[in-house]
Amino acid sequence: MKKKTKQKNQFKPKKEEAAVTLKDMINPELIKQLKEQQDQLKAAEERKKEAEEQRKREERRLKEKNKSFEELLNESGMNWKEFK
């Protein structure tokens, strides 16, 4: 019986071993590089979103500019039959 309890105690992690984290094991310079790369990717994504939004605004503006008289008349809320 005593042998079984000894075996269980052997597998318990020591307090010193449990305190070591992945962050402690990774080189701080590598962490810095990864954070810089993350910031760069976020900035690139923001620029991409802004460019897409600008393109959509320009597309809507051109579409509105090039509407035919019929499209403008159909979009009008007035009842034009009353003015005949």
PDB file of N, CA and C in Angstrom:
ATOM      1  N   MET A   1       0.803  -1.202   0.000  1.00  0.00           N
ATOM      2  CA  MET A   1       0.000   0.000   0.000  1.00  0.00           C
ATOM      3  C   MET A   1       0.848   1.270   0.000  1.00  0.00           C
ATOM      4  N   LYS A   2       1.901   1.256   0.719  1.00  0.00           N
ATOM      5  CA  LYS A   2       2.729   2.445   0.797  1.00  0.00           C
ATOM      6  C   LYS A   2       3.381   2.757  -0.544  1.00  0.00           C
ATOM      7  N   LYS A   3       3.683   1.765  -1.314  1.00  0.00           N
ATOM      8  CA  LYS A   3       4.296   1.977  -2.609  1.00  0.00           C
ATOM      9  C   LYS A   3       3.355   2.731  -3.545  1.00  0.00           C
ATOM     10  N   LYS A   4       2.090   2.440  -3.492  1.00  0.00           N
ATOM     11  CA  LYS A   4       1.122   3.112  -4.350  1.00  0.00           C
ATOM     12  C   LYS A   4       1.033   4.599  -4.009  1.00  0.00           C
ATOM     13  N   THR A   5       1.038   4.941  -2.770  1.00  0.00           N
ATOM     14  CA  THR A   5       0.955   6.351  -2.386  1.00  0.00           C
ATOM     15  C   THR A   5       2.234   7.081  -2.756  1.00  0.00           C
ATOM     16  N   LYS A   6       3.349   6.406  -2.700  1.00  0.00           N
ATOM     17  CA  LYS A   6       4.600   7.031  -3.092  1.00  0.00           C
ATOM     18  C   LYS A   6       4.595   7.351  -4.585  1.00  0.00           C
ATOM     19  N   GLN A   7       4.074   6.477  -5.384  1.00  0.00           N
ATOM     20  CA  GLN A   7       4.041   6.694  -6.815  1.00  0.00           C
ATOM     21  C   GLN A   7       3.168   7.901  -7.162  1.00  0.00           C
ATOM     22  N   LYS A   8       2.073   8.073  -6.497  1.00  0.00           N
ATOM     23  CA  LYS A   8       1.204   9.225  -6.760  1.00  0.00           C
ATOM     24  C   LYS A   8       1.914  10.530  -6.408  1.00  0.00           C
ATOM     25  N   ASN A   9       2.655  10.537  -5.360  1.00  0.00           N
ATOM     26  CA  ASN A   9       3.365  11.745  -4.936  1.00  0.00           C
ATOM     27  C   ASN A   9       4.475  12.118  -5.902  1.00  0.00           C
ATOM     28  N   GLN A  10       5.017  11.172  -6.599  1.00  0.00           N
ATOM     29  CA  GLN A  10       6.101  11.443  -7.526  1.00  0.00           C
ATOM     30  C   GLN A  10       5.631  12.275  -8.719  1.00  0.00           C
ATOM     31  N   PHE A  11       4.388  12.161  -9.109  1.00  0.00           N
ATOM     32  CA  PHE A  11       3.884  12.848 -10.296  1.00  0.00           C
ATOM     33  C   PHE A  11       3.339  14.247 -10.012  1.00  0.00           C
ATOM     34  N   LYS A  12       3.278  14.653  -8.777  1.00  0.00           N
ATOM     35  CA  LYS A  12       2.786  15.993  -8.455  1.00  0.00           C
ATOM     36  C   LYS A  12       3.829  17.032  -8.870  1.00  0.00           C
ATOM     37  N   PRO A  13       3.408  18.072  -9.583  1.00  0.00           N
ATOM     38  CA  PRO A  13       4.382  19.104  -9.969  1.00  0.00           C
ATOM     39  C   PRO A  13       4.799  19.929  -8.753  1.00  0.00           C
ATOM     40  N   LYS A  14       6.034  20.286  -8.760  1.00  0.00           N
ATOM     41  CA  LYS A  14       6.532  21.128  -7.673  1.00  0.00           C
ATOM     42  C   LYS A  14       6.089  22.562  -7.909  1.00  0.00           C
ATOM     43  N   LYS A  15       6.094  23.343  -6.873  1.00  0.00           N
ATOM     44  CA  LYS A  15       5.668  24.732  -6.979  1.00  0.00           C
ATOM     45  C   LYS A  15       6.571  25.512  -7.940  1.00  0.00           C
ATOM     46  N   GLU A  16       7.823  25.216  -7.929  1.00  0.00           N
ATOM     47  CA  GLU A  16       8.775  25.905  -8.797  1.00  0.00           C
ATOM     48  C   GLU A  16       8.485  25.617 -10.265  1.00  0.00           C
ATOM     49  N   GLU A  17       8.161  24.389 -10.591  1.00  0.00           N
ATOM     50  CA  GLU A  17       7.889  23.998 -11.972  1.00  0.00           C
ATOM     51  C   GLU A  17       6.573  24.582 -12.466  1.00  0.00           C
ATOM     52  N   ALA A  18       5.589  24.699 -11.614  1.00  0.00           N
ATOM     53  CA  ALA A  18       4.281  25.212 -12.003  1.00  0.00           C
ATOM     54  C   ALA A  18       4.340  26.716 -12.278  1.00  0.00           C
ATOM     55  N   ALA A  19       5.293  27.426 -11.712  1.00  0.00           N
ATOM     56  CA  ALA A  19       5.383  28.871 -11.864  1.00  0.00           C
ATOM     57  C   ALA A  19       5.917  29.283 -13.231  1.00  0.00           C
ATOM     58  N   VAL A  20       6.570  28.397 -13.934  1.00  0.00           N
ATOM     59  CA  VAL A  20       7.140  28.717 -15.241  1.00  0.00           C
ATOM     60  C   VAL A  20       6.012  28.726 -16.267  1.00  0.00           C
ATOM     61  N   THR A  21       5.889  29.851 -16.981  1.00  0.00           N
ATOM     62  CA  THR A  21       4.837  29.972 -17.990  1.00  0.00           C
ATOM     63  C   THR A  21       5.461  30.051 -19.371  1.00  0.00           C
ATOM     64  N   LEU A  22       4.622  29.976 -20.366  1.00  0.00           N
ATOM     65  CA  LEU A  22       5.086  30.069 -21.746  1.00  0.00           C
ATOM     66  C   LEU A  22       5.717  31.437 -21.999  1.00  0.00           C
ATOM     67  N   LYS A  23       5.134  32.458 -21.411  1.00  0.00           N
ATOM     68  CA  LYS A  23       5.671  33.814 -21.578  1.00  0.00           C
ATOM     69  C   LYS A  23       7.103  33.906 -21.062  1.00  0.00           C
ATOM     70  N   ASP A  24       7.369  33.218 -19.972  1.00  0.00           N
ATOM     71  CA  ASP A  24       8.723  33.224 -19.410  1.00  0.00           C
ATOM     72  C   ASP A  24       9.702  32.472 -20.307  1.00  0.00           C
ATOM     73  N   MET A  25       9.207  31.498 -21.033  1.00  0.00           N
ATOM     74  CA  MET A  25      10.077  30.670 -21.861  1.00  0.00           C
ATOM     75  C   MET A  25      10.402  31.326 -23.207  1.00  0.00           C
ATOM     76  N   ILE A  26       9.540  32.227 -23.678  1.00  0.00           N
ATOM     77  CA  ILE A  26       9.740  32.857 -24.985  1.00  0.00           C
ATOM     78  C   ILE A  26      10.670  34.059 -24.839  1.00  0.00           C
ATOM     79  N   ASN A  27      11.485  34.252 -25.824  1.00  0.00           N
ATOM     80  CA  ASN A  27      12.421  35.361 -25.854  1.00  0.00           C
ATOM     81  C   ASN A  27      11.645  36.688 -25.899  1.00  0.00           C
ATOM     82  N   PRO A  28      11.970  37.655 -25.040  1.00  0.00           N
ATOM     83  CA  PRO A  28      11.264  38.945 -25.043  1.00  0.00           C
ATOM     84  C   PRO A  28      11.370  39.681 -26.385  1.00  0.00           C
ATOM     85  N   GLU A  29      12.480  39.498 -27.074  1.00  0.00           N
ATOM     86  CA  GLU A  29      12.646  40.137 -28.384  1.00  0.00           C
ATOM     87  C   GLU A  29      11.637  39.572 -29.386  1.00  0.00           C
ATOM     88  N   LEU A  30      11.397  38.278 -29.306  1.00  0.00           N
ATOM     89  CA  LEU A  30      10.414  37.632 -30.182  1.00  0.00           C
ATOM     90  C   LEU A  30       9.004  38.148 -29.884  1.00  0.00           C
ATOM     91  N   ILE A  31       8.696  38.322 -28.627  1.00  0.00           N
ATOM     92  CA  ILE A  31       7.384  38.869 -28.228  1.00  0.00           C
ATOM     93  C   ILE A  31       7.223  40.274 -28.787  1.00  0.00           C
ATOM     94  N   LYS A  32       8.263  41.069 -28.689  1.00  0.00           N
ATOM     95  CA  LYS A  32       8.221  42.434 -29.214  1.00  0.00           C
ATOM     96  C   LYS A  32       7.977  42.427 -30.727  1.00  0.00           C
ATOM     97  N   GLN A  33       8.674  41.560 -31.448  1.00  0.00           N
ATOM     98  CA  GLN A  33       8.506  41.469 -32.900  1.00  0.00           C
ATOM     99  C   GLN A  33       7.089  41.041 -33.265  1.00  0.00           C
ATOM    100  N   LEU A  34       6.544  40.097 -32.520  1.00  0.00           N
ATOM    101  CA  LEU A  34       5.195  39.621 -32.800  1.00  0.00           C
ATOM    102  C   LEU A  34       4.158  40.719 -32.546  1.00  0.00           C
ATOM    103  N   LYS A  35       4.349  41.494 -31.493  1.00  0.00           N
ATOM    104  CA  LYS A  35       3.420  42.593 -31.213  1.00  0.00           C
ATOM    105  C   LYS A  35       3.499  43.669 -32.290  1.00  0.00           C
ATOM    106  N   GLU A  36       4.696  43.966 -32.765  1.00  0.00           N
ATOM    107  CA  GLU A  36       4.856  44.944 -33.845  1.00  0.00           C
ATOM    108  C   GLU A  36       4.175  44.452 -35.117  1.00  0.00           C
ATOM    109  N   GLN A  37       4.343  43.176 -35.408  1.00  0.00           N
ATOM    110  CA  GLN A  37       3.715  42.606 -36.593  1.00  0.00           C
ATOM    111  C   GLN A  37       2.185  42.640 -36.458  1.00  0.00           C
ATOM    112  N   GLN A  38       1.690  42.383 -35.273  1.00  0.00           N
ATOM    113  CA  GLN A  38       0.251  42.438 -35.027  1.00  0.00           C
ATOM    114  C   GLN A  38      -0.273  43.853 -35.251  1.00  0.00           C
ATOM    115  N   ASP A  39       0.455  44.846 -34.756  1.00  0.00           N
ATOM    116  CA  ASP A  39       0.058  46.241 -34.954  1.00  0.00           C
ATOM    117  C   ASP A  39       0.064  46.612 -36.435  1.00  0.00           C
ATOM    118  N   GLN A  40       1.068  46.135 -37.161  1.00  0.00           N
ATOM    119  CA  GLN A  40       1.147  46.419 -38.587  1.00  0.00           C
ATOM    120  C   GLN A  40      -0.028  45.790 -39.335  1.00  0.00           C
ATOM    121  N   LEU A  41      -0.380  44.570 -38.969  1.00  0.00           N
ATOM    122  CA  LEU A  41      -1.501  43.901 -39.624  1.00  0.00           C
ATOM    123  C   LEU A  41      -2.824  44.602 -39.326  1.00  0.00           C
ATOM    124  N   LYS A  42      -2.983  45.088 -38.106  1.00  0.00           N
ATOM    125  CA  LYS A  42      -4.193  45.830 -37.761  1.00  0.00           C
ATOM    126  C   LYS A  42      -4.281  47.128 -38.558  1.00  0.00           C
ATOM    127  N   ALA A  43      -3.159  47.818 -38.686  1.00  0.00           N
ATOM    128  CA  ALA A  43      -3.136  49.073 -39.444  1.00  0.00           C
ATOM    129  C   ALA A  43      -3.440  48.803 -40.919  1.00  0.00           C
ATOM    130  N   ALA A  44      -2.899  47.739 -41.466  1.00  0.00           N
ATOM    131  CA  ALA A  44      -3.160  47.397 -42.867  1.00  0.00           C
ATOM    132  C   ALA A  44      -4.630  47.054 -43.069  1.00  0.00           C
ATOM    133  N   GLU A  45      -5.210  46.357 -42.123  1.00  0.00           N
ATOM    134  CA  GLU A  45      -6.627  46.008 -42.214  1.00  0.00           C
ATOM    135  C   GLU A  45      -7.506  47.265 -42.150  1.00  0.00           C
ATOM    136  N   GLU A  46      -7.148  48.200 -41.289  1.00  0.00           N
ATOM    137  CA  GLU A  46      -7.893  49.463 -41.207  1.00  0.00           C
ATOM    138  C   GLU A  46      -7.809  50.235 -42.514  1.00  0.00           C
ATOM    139  N   ARG A  47      -6.609  50.292 -43.104  1.00  0.00           N
ATOM    140  CA  ARG A  47      -6.455  50.987 -44.390  1.00  0.00           C
ATOM    141  C   ARG A  47      -7.291  50.313 -45.472  1.00  0.00           C
ATOM    142  N   LYS A  48      -7.309  49.008 -45.456  1.00  0.00           N
ATOM    143  CA  LYS A  48      -8.080  48.253 -46.444  1.00  0.00           C
ATOM    144  C   LYS A  48      -9.577  48.527 -46.283  1.00  0.00           C
ATOM    145  N   LYS A  49     -10.063  48.541 -45.057  1.00  0.00           N
ATOM    146  CA  LYS A  49     -11.475  48.827 -44.804  1.00  0.00           C
ATOM    147  C   LYS A  49     -11.828  50.248 -45.237  1.00  0.00           C
ATOM    148  N   GLU A  50     -10.964  51.187 -44.931  1.00  0.00           N
ATOM    149  CA  GLU A  50     -11.208  52.583 -45.304  1.00  0.00           C
ATOM    150  C   GLU A  50     -11.240  52.742 -46.822  1.00  0.00           C
ATOM    151  N   ALA A  51     -10.336  52.082 -47.525  1.00  0.00           N
ATOM    152  CA  ALA A  51     -10.302  52.152 -48.985  1.00  0.00           C
ATOM    153  C   ALA A  51     -11.568  51.537 -49.577  1.00  0.00           C
ATOM    154  N   GLU A  52     -12.021  50.436 -49.020  1.00  0.00           N
ATOM    155  CA  GLU A  52     -13.244  49.781 -49.502  1.00  0.00           C
ATOM    156  C   GLU A  52     -14.458  50.683 -49.269  1.00  0.00           C
ATOM    157  N   GLU A  53     -14.503  51.309 -48.113  1.00  0.00           N
ATOM    158  CA  GLU A  53     -15.606  52.225 -47.804  1.00  0.00           C
ATOM    159  C   GLU A  53     -15.597  53.430 -48.742  1.00  0.00           C
ATOM    160  N   GLN A  54     -14.417  53.951 -49.015  1.00  0.00           N
ATOM    161  CA  GLN A  54     -14.284  55.089 -49.938  1.00  0.00           C
ATOM    162  C   GLN A  54     -14.730  54.686 -51.340  1.00  0.00           C
ATOM    163  N   ARG A  55     -14.364  53.492 -51.763  1.00  0.00           N
ATOM    164  CA  ARG A  55     -14.760  53.007 -53.084  1.00  0.00           C
ATOM    165  C   ARG A  55     -16.279  52.881 -53.187  1.00  0.00           C
ATOM    166  N   LYS A  56     -16.908  52.363 -52.142  1.00  0.00           N
ATOM    167  CA  LYS A  56     -18.362  52.219 -52.140  1.00  0.00           C
ATOM    168  C   LYS A  56     -19.055  53.583 -52.169  1.00  0.00           C
ATOM    169  N   ARG A  57     -18.517  54.546 -51.432  1.00  0.00           N
ATOM    170  CA  ARG A  57     -19.105  55.896 -51.450  1.00  0.00           C
ATOM    171  C   ARG A  57     -19.023  56.504 -52.841  1.00  0.00           C
ATOM    172  N   GLU A  58     -17.863  56.340 -53.472  1.00  0.00           N
ATOM    173  CA  GLU A  58     -17.675  56.879 -54.822  1.00  0.00           C
ATOM    174  C   GLU A  58     -18.604  56.178 -55.816  1.00  0.00           C
ATOM    175  N   GLU A  59     -18.761  54.887 -55.660  1.00  0.00           N
ATOM    176  CA  GLU A  59     -19.644  54.123 -56.541  1.00  0.00           C
ATOM    177  C   GLU A  59     -21.097  54.601 -56.397  1.00  0.00           C
ATOM    178  N   ARG A  60     -21.536  54.817 -55.153  1.00  0.00           N
ATOM    179  CA  ARG A  60     -22.895  55.319 -54.925  1.00  0.00           C
ATOM    180  C   ARG A  60     -23.073  56.709 -55.513  1.00  0.00           C
ATOM    181  N   ARG A  61     -22.043  57.549 -55.368  1.00  0.00           N
ATOM    182  CA  ARG A  61     -22.123  58.908 -55.892  1.00  0.00           C
ATOM    183  C   ARG A  61     -22.242  58.892 -57.417  1.00  0.00           C
ATOM    184  N   LEU A  62     -21.453  58.079 -58.082  1.00  0.00           N
ATOM    185  CA  LEU A  62     -21.514  57.987 -59.538  1.00  0.00           C
ATOM    186  C   LEU A  62     -22.841  57.404 -60.013  1.00  0.00           C
ATOM    187  N   LYS A  63     -23.344  56.430 -59.279  1.00  0.00           N
ATOM    188  CA  LYS A  63     -24.618  55.824 -59.640  1.00  0.00           C
ATOM    189  C   LYS A  63     -25.740  56.871 -59.526  1.00  0.00           C
ATOM    190  N   GLU A  64     -25.703  57.650 -58.468  1.00  0.00           N
ATOM    191  CA  GLU A  64     -26.707  58.707 -58.277  1.00  0.00           C
ATOM    192  C   GLU A  64     -26.578  59.763 -59.375  1.00  0.00           C
ATOM    193  N   LYS A  65     -25.369  60.081 -59.758  1.00  0.00           N
ATOM    194  CA  LYS A  65     -25.122  61.101 -60.773  1.00  0.00           C
ATOM    195  C   LYS A  65     -25.632  60.666 -62.147  1.00  0.00           C
ATOM    196  N   ASN A  66     -25.525  59.371 -62.437  1.00  0.00           N
ATOM    197  CA  ASN A  66     -25.860  58.868 -63.765  1.00  0.00           C
ATOM    198  C   ASN A  66     -27.275  58.310 -63.879  1.00  0.00           C
ATOM    199  N   LYS A  67     -28.146  58.610 -62.926  1.00  0.00           N
ATOM    200  CA  LYS A  67     -29.520  58.110 -63.001  1.00  0.00           C
ATOM    201  C   LYS A  67     -30.264  58.773 -64.147  1.00  0.00           C
ATOM    202  N   SER A  68     -31.117  57.988 -64.768  1.00  0.00           N
ATOM    203  CA  SER A  68     -31.924  58.528 -65.853  1.00  0.00           C
ATOM    204  C   SER A  68     -33.126  59.278 -65.266  1.00  0.00           C
ATOM    205  N   PHE A  69     -33.811  60.019 -66.134  1.00  0.00           N
ATOM    206  CA  PHE A  69     -34.984  60.769 -65.698  1.00  0.00           C
ATOM    207  C   PHE A  69     -36.052  59.813 -65.177  1.00  0.00           C
ATOM    208  N   GLU A  70     -36.203  58.668 -65.808  1.00  0.00           N
ATOM    209  CA  GLU A  70     -37.204  57.690 -65.395  1.00  0.00           C
ATOM    210  C   GLU A  70     -36.926  57.193 -63.973  1.00  0.00           C
ATOM    211  N   GLU A  71     -35.645  56.898 -63.665  1.00  0.00           N
ATOM    212  CA  GLU A  71     -35.288  56.433 -62.326  1.00  0.00           C
ATOM    213  C   GLU A  71     -35.556  57.507 -61.280  1.00  0.00           C
ATOM    214  N   LEU A  72     -35.215  58.743 -61.610  1.00  0.00           N
ATOM    215  CA  LEU A  72     -35.480  59.844 -60.682  1.00  0.00           C
ATOM    216  C   LEU A  72     -36.974  60.022 -60.458  1.00  0.00           C
ATOM    217  N   LEU A  73     -37.767  59.917 -61.533  1.00  0.00           N
ATOM    218  CA  LEU A  73     -39.214  60.059 -61.443  1.00  0.00           C
ATOM    219  C   LEU A  73     -39.818  58.934 -60.607  1.00  0.00           C
ATOM    220  N   ASN A  74     -39.327  57.718 -60.788  1.00  0.00           N
ATOM    221  CA  ASN A  74     -39.840  56.586 -60.023  1.00  0.00           C
ATOM    222  C   ASN A  74     -39.495  56.693 -58.541  1.00  0.00           C
ATOM    223  N   GLU A  75     -38.365  57.276 -58.228  1.00  0.00           N
ATOM    224  CA  GLU A  75     -37.954  57.421 -56.834  1.00  0.00           C
ATOM    225  C   GLU A  75     -38.662  58.570 -56.133  1.00  0.00           C
ATOM    226  N   SER A  76     -39.224  59.463 -56.896  1.00  0.00           N
ATOM    227  CA  SER A  76     -39.902  60.612 -56.316  1.00  0.00           C
ATOM    228  C   SER A  76     -41.124  60.162 -55.536  1.00  0.00           C
ATOM    229  N   GLY A  77     -41.343  60.775 -54.415  1.00  0.00           N
ATOM    230  CA  GLY A  77     -42.479  60.411 -53.556  1.00  0.00           C
ATOM    231  C   GLY A  77     -43.768  61.106 -53.984  1.00  0.00           C
ATOM    232  N   MET A  78     -43.712  61.996 -54.903  1.00  0.00           N
ATOM    233  CA  MET A  78     -44.908  62.735 -55.326  1.00  0.00           C
ATOM    234  C   MET A  78     -45.742  61.907 -56.282  1.00  0.00           C
ATOM    235  N   ASN A  79     -47.048  62.142 -56.257  1.00  0.00           N
ATOM    236  CA  ASN A  79     -47.957  61.473 -57.184  1.00  0.00           C
ATOM    237  C   ASN A  79     -48.092  62.365 -58.415  1.00  0.00           C
ATOM    238  N   TRP A  80     -47.394  62.014 -59.480  1.00  0.00           N
ATOM    239  CA  TRP A  80     -47.337  62.874 -60.672  1.00  0.00           C
ATOM    240  C   TRP A  80     -48.623  62.801 -61.499  1.00  0.00           C
ATOM    241  N   LYS A  81     -49.467  61.840 -61.240  1.00  0.00           N
ATOM    242  CA  LYS A  81     -50.734  61.750 -61.965  1.00  0.00           C
ATOM    243  C   LYS A  81     -51.659  62.917 -61.600  1.00  0.00           C
ATOM    244  N   GLU A  82     -51.478  63.465 -60.434  1.00  0.00           N
ATOM    245  CA  GLU A  82     -52.312  64.606 -60.002  1.00  0.00           C
ATOM    246  C   GLU A  82     -51.983  65.864 -60.786  1.00  0.00           C
ATOM    247  N   PHE A  83     -50.828  65.956 -61.393  1.00  0.00           N
ATOM    248  CA  PHE A  83     -50.395  67.165 -62.095  1.00  0.00           C
ATOM    249  C   PHE A  83     -50.669  67.096 -63.601  1.00  0.00           C
ATOM    250  N   LYS A  84     -51.339  66.067 -64.070  1.00  0.00           N
ATOM    251  CA  LYS A  84     -51.653  65.960 -65.500  1.00  0.00           C
ATOM    252  C   LYS A  84     -52.746  66.898 -65.885  1.00  0.00           C
TER     253      LYS A  84
END
